[in-house]
């Protein structure tokens, strides 16, 4: 099943979150401004997590919004 099919089927935010975290990890490379990266690192540190965990959390929150 694809993410769009899940959303179109009326899945709950919890079901969508479960789908998003339920597969293997893959490497991702992206280019962002240094200031954005540094700010994200600081925000992650304030929450006691790594930048990678912070980005995953933000993506999951955004993709599971109703």
PDB file of N, CA and C in Angstrom:
ATOM      1  N   UNK A   1       0.846  -1.176   0.000  1.00  0.00           N
ATOM      2  CA  UNK A   1       0.000   0.000   0.000  1.00  0.00           C
ATOM      3  C   UNK A   1       0.889   1.237   0.000  1.00  0.00           C
ATOM      4  N   UNK A   2       0.454   2.261  -0.710  1.00  0.00           N
ATOM      5  CA  UNK A   2       1.156   3.541  -0.746  1.00  0.00           C
ATOM      6  C   UNK A   2       0.546   4.501   0.266  1.00  0.00           C
ATOM      7  N   UNK A   3       1.328   5.527   0.612  1.00  0.00           N
ATOM      8  CA  UNK A   3       0.870   6.553   1.557  1.00  0.00           C
ATOM      9  C   UNK A   3      -0.429   7.191   1.072  1.00  0.00           C
ATOM     10  N   UNK A   4      -0.501   7.549  -0.211  1.00  0.00           N
ATOM     11  CA  UNK A   4      -1.694   8.215  -0.737  1.00  0.00           C
ATOM     12  C   UNK A   4      -2.920   7.318  -0.658  1.00  0.00           C
ATOM     13  N   UNK A   5      -2.739   6.028  -0.877  1.00  0.00           N
ATOM     14  CA  UNK A   5      -3.862   5.096  -0.762  1.00  0.00           C
ATOM     15  C   UNK A   5      -4.348   5.026   0.682  1.00  0.00           C
ATOM     16  N   UNK A   6      -3.412   5.056   1.599  1.00  0.00           N
ATOM     17  CA  UNK A   6      -3.759   5.015   3.016  1.00  0.00           C
ATOM     18  C   UNK A   6      -4.562   6.248   3.404  1.00  0.00           C
ATOM     19  N   UNK A   7      -4.120   7.413   2.964  1.00  0.00           N
ATOM     20  CA  UNK A   7      -4.825   8.667   3.269  1.00  0.00           C
ATOM     21  C   UNK A   7      -6.206   8.663   2.627  1.00  0.00           C
ATOM     22  N   UNK A   8      -6.274   8.244   1.364  1.00  0.00           N
ATOM     23  CA  UNK A   8      -7.562   8.215   0.662  1.00  0.00           C
ATOM     24  C   UNK A   8      -8.551   7.244   1.291  1.00  0.00           C
ATOM     25  N   UNK A   9      -8.042   6.209   1.964  1.00  0.00           N
ATOM     26  CA  UNK A   9      -8.923   5.218   2.575  1.00  0.00           C
ATOM     27  C   UNK A   9      -9.504   5.694   3.906  1.00  0.00           C
ATOM     28  N   UNK A  10      -9.060   6.864   4.384  1.00  0.00           N
ATOM     29  CA  UNK A  10      -9.584   7.406   5.632  1.00  0.00           C
ATOM     30  C   UNK A  10      -8.905   6.854   6.870  1.00  0.00           C
ATOM     31  N   UNK A  11      -7.660   6.452   6.742  1.00  0.00           N
ATOM     32  CA  UNK A  11      -6.915   5.903   7.879  1.00  0.00           C
ATOM     33  C   UNK A  11      -6.760   6.947   8.975  1.00  0.00           C
ATOM     34  N   UNK A  12      -6.675   6.480  10.205  1.00  0.00           N
ATOM     35  CA  UNK A  12      -6.485   7.375  11.348  1.00  0.00           C
ATOM     36  C   UNK A  12      -5.025   7.831  11.402  1.00  0.00           C
ATOM     37  N   UNK A  13      -4.747   8.932  12.106  1.00  0.00           N
ATOM     38  CA  UNK A  13      -3.355   9.369  12.248  1.00  0.00           C
ATOM     39  C   UNK A  13      -2.451   8.280  12.827  1.00  0.00           C
ATOM     40  N   UNK A  14      -2.965   7.492  13.760  1.00  0.00           N
ATOM     41  CA  UNK A  14      -2.168   6.408  14.346  1.00  0.00           C
ATOM     42  C   UNK A  14      -1.833   5.350  13.302  1.00  0.00           C
ATOM     43  N   UNK A  15      -2.787   5.003  12.465  1.00  0.00           N
ATOM     44  CA  UNK A  15      -2.536   4.026  11.399  1.00  0.00           C
ATOM     45  C   UNK A  15      -1.504   4.556  10.411  1.00  0.00           C
ATOM     46  N   UNK A  16      -1.597   5.829  10.093  1.00  0.00           N
ATOM     47  CA  UNK A  16      -0.635   6.436   9.163  1.00  0.00           C
ATOM     48  C   UNK A  16       0.756   6.446   9.788  1.00  0.00           C
ATOM     49  N   UNK A  17       0.856   6.818  11.069  1.00  0.00           N
ATOM     50  CA  UNK A  17       2.156   6.820  11.748  1.00  0.00           C
ATOM     51  C   UNK A  17       2.765   5.423  11.766  1.00  0.00           C
ATOM     52  N   UNK A  18       1.957   4.425  12.037  1.00  0.00           N
ATOM     53  CA  UNK A  18       2.433   3.044  12.048  1.00  0.00           C
ATOM     54  C   UNK A  18       2.964   2.653  10.673  1.00  0.00           C
ATOM     55  N   UNK A  19       2.253   3.029   9.632  1.00  0.00           N
ATOM     56  CA  UNK A  19       2.699   2.745   8.268  1.00  0.00           C
ATOM     57  C   UNK A  19       4.037   3.423   7.969  1.00  0.00           C
ATOM     58  N   UNK A  20       4.173   4.689   8.381  1.00  0.00           N
ATOM     59  CA  UNK A  20       5.373   5.461   8.050  1.00  0.00           C
ATOM     60  C   UNK A  20       6.636   4.922   8.716  1.00  0.00           C
ATOM     61  N   UNK A  21       6.516   4.336   9.883  1.00  0.00           N
ATOM     62  CA  UNK A  21       7.707   3.835  10.583  1.00  0.00           C
ATOM     63  C   UNK A  21       7.904   2.336  10.393  1.00  0.00           C
ATOM     64  N   UNK A  22       7.017   1.693   9.663  1.00  0.00           N
ATOM     65  CA  UNK A  22       7.025   0.242   9.573  1.00  0.00           C
ATOM     66  C   UNK A  22       7.807  -0.372   8.436  1.00  0.00           C
ATOM     67  N   UNK A  23       8.923   0.203   8.049  1.00  0.00           N
ATOM     68  CA  UNK A  23       9.747  -0.434   7.018  1.00  0.00           C
ATOM     69  C   UNK A  23      11.216  -0.155   7.296  1.00  0.00           C
ATOM     70  N   UNK A  24      12.074  -0.654   6.416  1.00  0.00           N
ATOM     71  CA  UNK A  24      13.521  -0.500   6.636  1.00  0.00           C
ATOM     72  C   UNK A  24      13.965   0.944   6.431  1.00  0.00           C
ATOM     73  N   UNK A  25      15.081   1.294   7.074  1.00  0.00           N
ATOM     74  CA  UNK A  25      15.668   2.624   6.907  1.00  0.00           C
ATOM     75  C   UNK A  25      16.467   2.680   5.608  1.00  0.00           C
ATOM     76  N   UNK A  26      16.426   3.810   4.956  1.00  0.00           N
ATOM     77  CA  UNK A  26      17.200   4.033   3.737  1.00  0.00           C
ATOM     78  C   UNK A  26      17.956   5.358   3.870  1.00  0.00           C
ATOM     79  N   UNK A  27      19.130   5.456   3.254  1.00  0.00           N
ATOM     80  CA  UNK A  27      19.873   6.714   3.342  1.00  0.00           C
ATOM     81  C   UNK A  27      19.243   7.791   2.458  1.00  0.00           C
ATOM     82  N   UNK A  28      19.291   9.024   2.944  1.00  0.00           N
ATOM     83  CA  UNK A  28      18.767  10.170   2.195  1.00  0.00           C
ATOM     84  C   UNK A  28      19.800  11.285   2.280  1.00  0.00           C
ATOM     85  N   UNK A  29      20.096  11.877   1.149  1.00  0.00           N
ATOM     86  CA  UNK A  29      21.003  13.025   1.115  1.00  0.00           C
ATOM     87  C   UNK A  29      20.227  14.217   0.579  1.00  0.00           C
ATOM     88  N   UNK A  30      20.313  15.336   1.265  1.00  0.00           N
ATOM     89  CA  UNK A  30      19.656  16.551   0.770  1.00  0.00           C
ATOM     90  C   UNK A  30      20.511  17.763   1.102  1.00  0.00           C
ATOM     91  N   UNK A  31      20.350  18.779   0.338  1.00  0.00           N
ATOM     92  CA  UNK A  31      21.095  20.012   0.551  1.00  0.00           C
ATOM     93  C   UNK A  31      20.144  21.058   1.106  1.00  0.00           C
ATOM     94  N   UNK A  32      20.515  21.615   2.263  1.00  0.00           N
ATOM     95  CA  UNK A  32      19.748  22.674   2.893  1.00  0.00           C
ATOM     96  C   UNK A  32      20.714  23.761   3.345  1.00  0.00           C
ATOM     97  N   UNK A  33      20.235  24.974   3.529  1.00  0.00           N
ATOM     98  CA  UNK A  33      21.123  26.035   3.991  1.00  0.00           C
ATOM     99  C   UNK A  33      21.744  25.682   5.355  1.00  0.00           C
ATOM    100  N   UNK A  34      22.981  26.070   5.544  1.00  0.00           N
ATOM    101  CA  UNK A  34      23.703  25.785   6.787  1.00  0.00           C
ATOM    102  C   UNK A  34      22.943  26.307   8.012  1.00  0.00           C
ATOM    103  N   UNK A  35      22.379  27.512   7.888  1.00  0.00           N
ATOM    104  CA  UNK A  35      21.636  28.079   9.023  1.00  0.00           C
ATOM    105  C   UNK A  35      20.436  27.219   9.404  1.00  0.00           C
ATOM    106  N   UNK A  36      19.755  26.664   8.406  1.00  0.00           N
ATOM    107  CA  UNK A  36      18.614  25.788   8.667  1.00  0.00           C
ATOM    108  C   UNK A  36      19.075  24.510   9.354  1.00  0.00           C
ATOM    109  N   UNK A  37      20.161  23.942   8.874  1.00  0.00           N
ATOM    110  CA  UNK A  37      20.716  22.737   9.501  1.00  0.00           C
ATOM    111  C   UNK A  37      21.119  23.007  10.947  1.00  0.00           C
ATOM    112  N   UNK A  38      21.827  24.104  11.161  1.00  0.00           N
ATOM    113  CA  UNK A  38      22.281  24.435  12.516  1.00  0.00           C
ATOM    114  C   UNK A  38      21.108  24.678  13.460  1.00  0.00           C
ATOM    115  N   UNK A  39      20.081  25.368  12.971  1.00  0.00           N
ATOM    116  CA  UNK A  39      18.894  25.618  13.795  1.00  0.00           C
ATOM    117  C   UNK A  39      18.181  24.306  14.115  1.00  0.00           C
ATOM    118  N   UNK A  40      18.096  23.421  13.144  1.00  0.00           N
ATOM    119  CA  UNK A  40      17.451  22.124  13.371  1.00  0.00           C
ATOM    120  C   UNK A  40      18.247  21.284  14.366  1.00  0.00           C
ATOM    121  N   UNK A  41      19.588  21.344  14.281  1.00  0.00           N
ATOM    122  CA  UNK A  41      20.428  20.624  15.246  1.00  0.00           C
ATOM    123  C   UNK A  41      20.188  21.142  16.658  1.00  0.00           C
ATOM    124  N   UNK A  42      20.095  22.457  16.799  1.00  0.00           N
ATOM    125  CA  UNK A  42      19.839  23.052  18.110  1.00  0.00           C
ATOM    126  C   UNK A  42      18.468  22.648  18.635  1.00  0.00           C
ATOM    127  N   UNK A  43      17.456  22.685  17.776  1.00  0.00           N
ATOM    128  CA  UNK A  43      16.104  22.297  18.186  1.00  0.00           C
ATOM    129  C   UNK A  43      16.078  20.830  18.612  1.00  0.00           C
ATOM    130  N   UNK A  44      16.783  19.987  17.877  1.00  0.00           N
ATOM    131  CA  UNK A  44      16.857  18.566  18.227  1.00  0.00           C
ATOM    132  C   UNK A  44      17.542  18.381  19.572  1.00  0.00           C
ATOM    133  N   UNK A  45      18.634  19.084  19.788  1.00  0.00           N
ATOM    134  CA  UNK A  45      19.374  18.975  21.054  1.00  0.00           C
ATOM    135  C   UNK A  45      18.507  19.409  22.232  1.00  0.00           C
ATOM    136  N   UNK A  46      17.699  20.452  22.037  1.00  0.00           N
ATOM    137  CA  UNK A  46      16.803  20.899  23.100  1.00  0.00           C
ATOM    138  C   UNK A  46      15.783  19.829  23.476  1.00  0.00           C
ATOM    139  N   UNK A  47      15.446  18.982  22.524  1.00  0.00           N
ATOM    140  CA  UNK A  47      14.508  17.887  22.774  1.00  0.00           C
ATOM    141  C   UNK A  47      15.232  16.605  23.173  1.00  0.00           C
ATOM    142  N   UNK A  48      16.569  16.664  23.235  1.00  0.00           N
ATOM    143  CA  UNK A  48      17.344  15.485  23.633  1.00  0.00           C
ATOM    144  C   UNK A  48      17.415  14.416  22.573  1.00  0.00           C
ATOM    145  N   UNK A  49      17.425  14.812  21.302  1.00  0.00           N
ATOM    146  CA  UNK A  49      17.479  13.825  20.224  1.00  0.00           C
ATOM    147  C   UNK A  49      18.455  14.259  19.150  1.00  0.00           C
ATOM    148  N   UNK A  50      18.761  13.335  18.272  1.00  0.00           N
ATOM    149  CA  UNK A  50      19.663  13.625  17.166  1.00  0.00           C
ATOM    150  C   UNK A  50      18.920  14.385  16.074  1.00  0.00           C
ATOM    151  N   UNK A  51      19.676  14.971  15.167  1.00  0.00           N
ATOM    152  CA  UNK A  51      19.071  15.662  14.025  1.00  0.00           C
ATOM    153  C   UNK A  51      18.230  14.686  13.200  1.00  0.00           C
ATOM    154  N   UNK A  52      18.749  13.487  12.981  1.00  0.00           N
ATOM    155  CA  UNK A  52      18.020  12.482  12.203  1.00  0.00           C
ATOM    156  C   UNK A  52      16.679  12.151  12.853  1.00  0.00           C
ATOM    157  N   UNK A  53      16.683  11.924  14.158  1.00  0.00           N
ATOM    158  CA  UNK A  53      15.434  11.615  14.865  1.00  0.00           C
ATOM    159  C   UNK A  53      14.464  12.785  14.802  1.00  0.00           C
ATOM    160  N   UNK A  54      14.993  13.992  14.913  1.00  0.00           N
ATOM    161  CA  UNK A  54      14.157  15.191  14.850  1.00  0.00           C
ATOM    162  C   UNK A  54      13.493  15.328  13.483  1.00  0.00           C
ATOM    163  N   UNK A  55      14.257  15.114  12.429  1.00  0.00           N
ATOM    164  CA  UNK A  55      13.706  15.209  11.069  1.00  0.00           C
ATOM    165  C   UNK A  55      12.643  14.136  10.856  1.00  0.00           C
ATOM    166  N   UNK A  56      12.921  12.905  11.305  1.00  0.00           N
ATOM    167  CA  UNK A  56      11.927  11.832  11.189  1.00  0.00           C
ATOM    168  C   UNK A  56      10.645  12.213  11.924  1.00  0.00           C
ATOM    169  N   UNK A  57      10.788  12.728  13.155  1.00  0.00           N
ATOM    170  CA  UNK A  57       9.634  13.109  13.944  1.00  0.00           C
ATOM    171  C   UNK A  57       8.809  14.181  13.219  1.00  0.00           C
ATOM    172  N   UNK A  58       9.490  15.187  12.680  1.00  0.00           N
ATOM    173  CA  UNK A  58       8.791  16.268  11.968  1.00  0.00           C
ATOM    174  C   UNK A  58       8.051  15.730  10.740  1.00  0.00           C
ATOM    175  N   UNK A  59       8.694  14.853   9.998  1.00  0.00           N
ATOM    176  CA  UNK A  59       8.057  14.279   8.816  1.00  0.00           C
ATOM    177  C   UNK A  59       6.838  13.445   9.189  1.00  0.00           C
ATOM    178  N   UNK A  60       6.977  12.620  10.210  1.00  0.00           N
ATOM    179  CA  UNK A  60       5.859  11.784  10.640  1.00  0.00           C
ATOM    180  C   UNK A  60       4.702  12.643  11.116  1.00  0.00           C
ATOM    181  N   UNK A  61       4.993  13.677  11.904  1.00  0.00           N
ATOM    182  CA  UNK A  61       3.925  14.579  12.375  1.00  0.00           C
ATOM    183  C   UNK A  61       3.201  15.234  11.196  1.00  0.00           C
ATOM    184  N   UNK A  62       3.971  15.753  10.253  1.00  0.00           N
ATOM    185  CA  UNK A  62       3.364  16.445   9.102  1.00  0.00           C
ATOM    186  C   UNK A  62       2.560  15.489   8.226  1.00  0.00           C
ATOM    187  N   UNK A  63       3.095  14.308   7.991  1.00  0.00           N
ATOM    188  CA  UNK A  63       2.421  13.362   7.090  1.00  0.00           C
ATOM    189  C   UNK A  63       1.223  12.673   7.739  1.00  0.00           C
ATOM    190  N   UNK A  64       1.086  12.748   9.043  1.00  0.00           N
ATOM    191  CA  UNK A  64      -0.051  12.095   9.693  1.00  0.00           C
ATOM    192  C   UNK A  64      -1.101  13.099  10.180  1.00  0.00           C
ATOM    193  N   UNK A  65      -0.957  14.371   9.794  1.00  0.00           N
ATOM    194  CA  UNK A  65      -1.967  15.372  10.129  1.00  0.00           C
ATOM    195  C   UNK A  65      -3.259  15.063   9.393  1.00  0.00           C
ATOM    196  N   UNK A  66      -4.367  15.428  10.024  1.00  0.00           N
ATOM    197  CA  UNK A  66      -5.662  15.216   9.357  1.00  0.00           C
ATOM    198  C   UNK A  66      -6.015  16.396   8.504  1.00  0.00           C
TER     199      UNK A  66
END
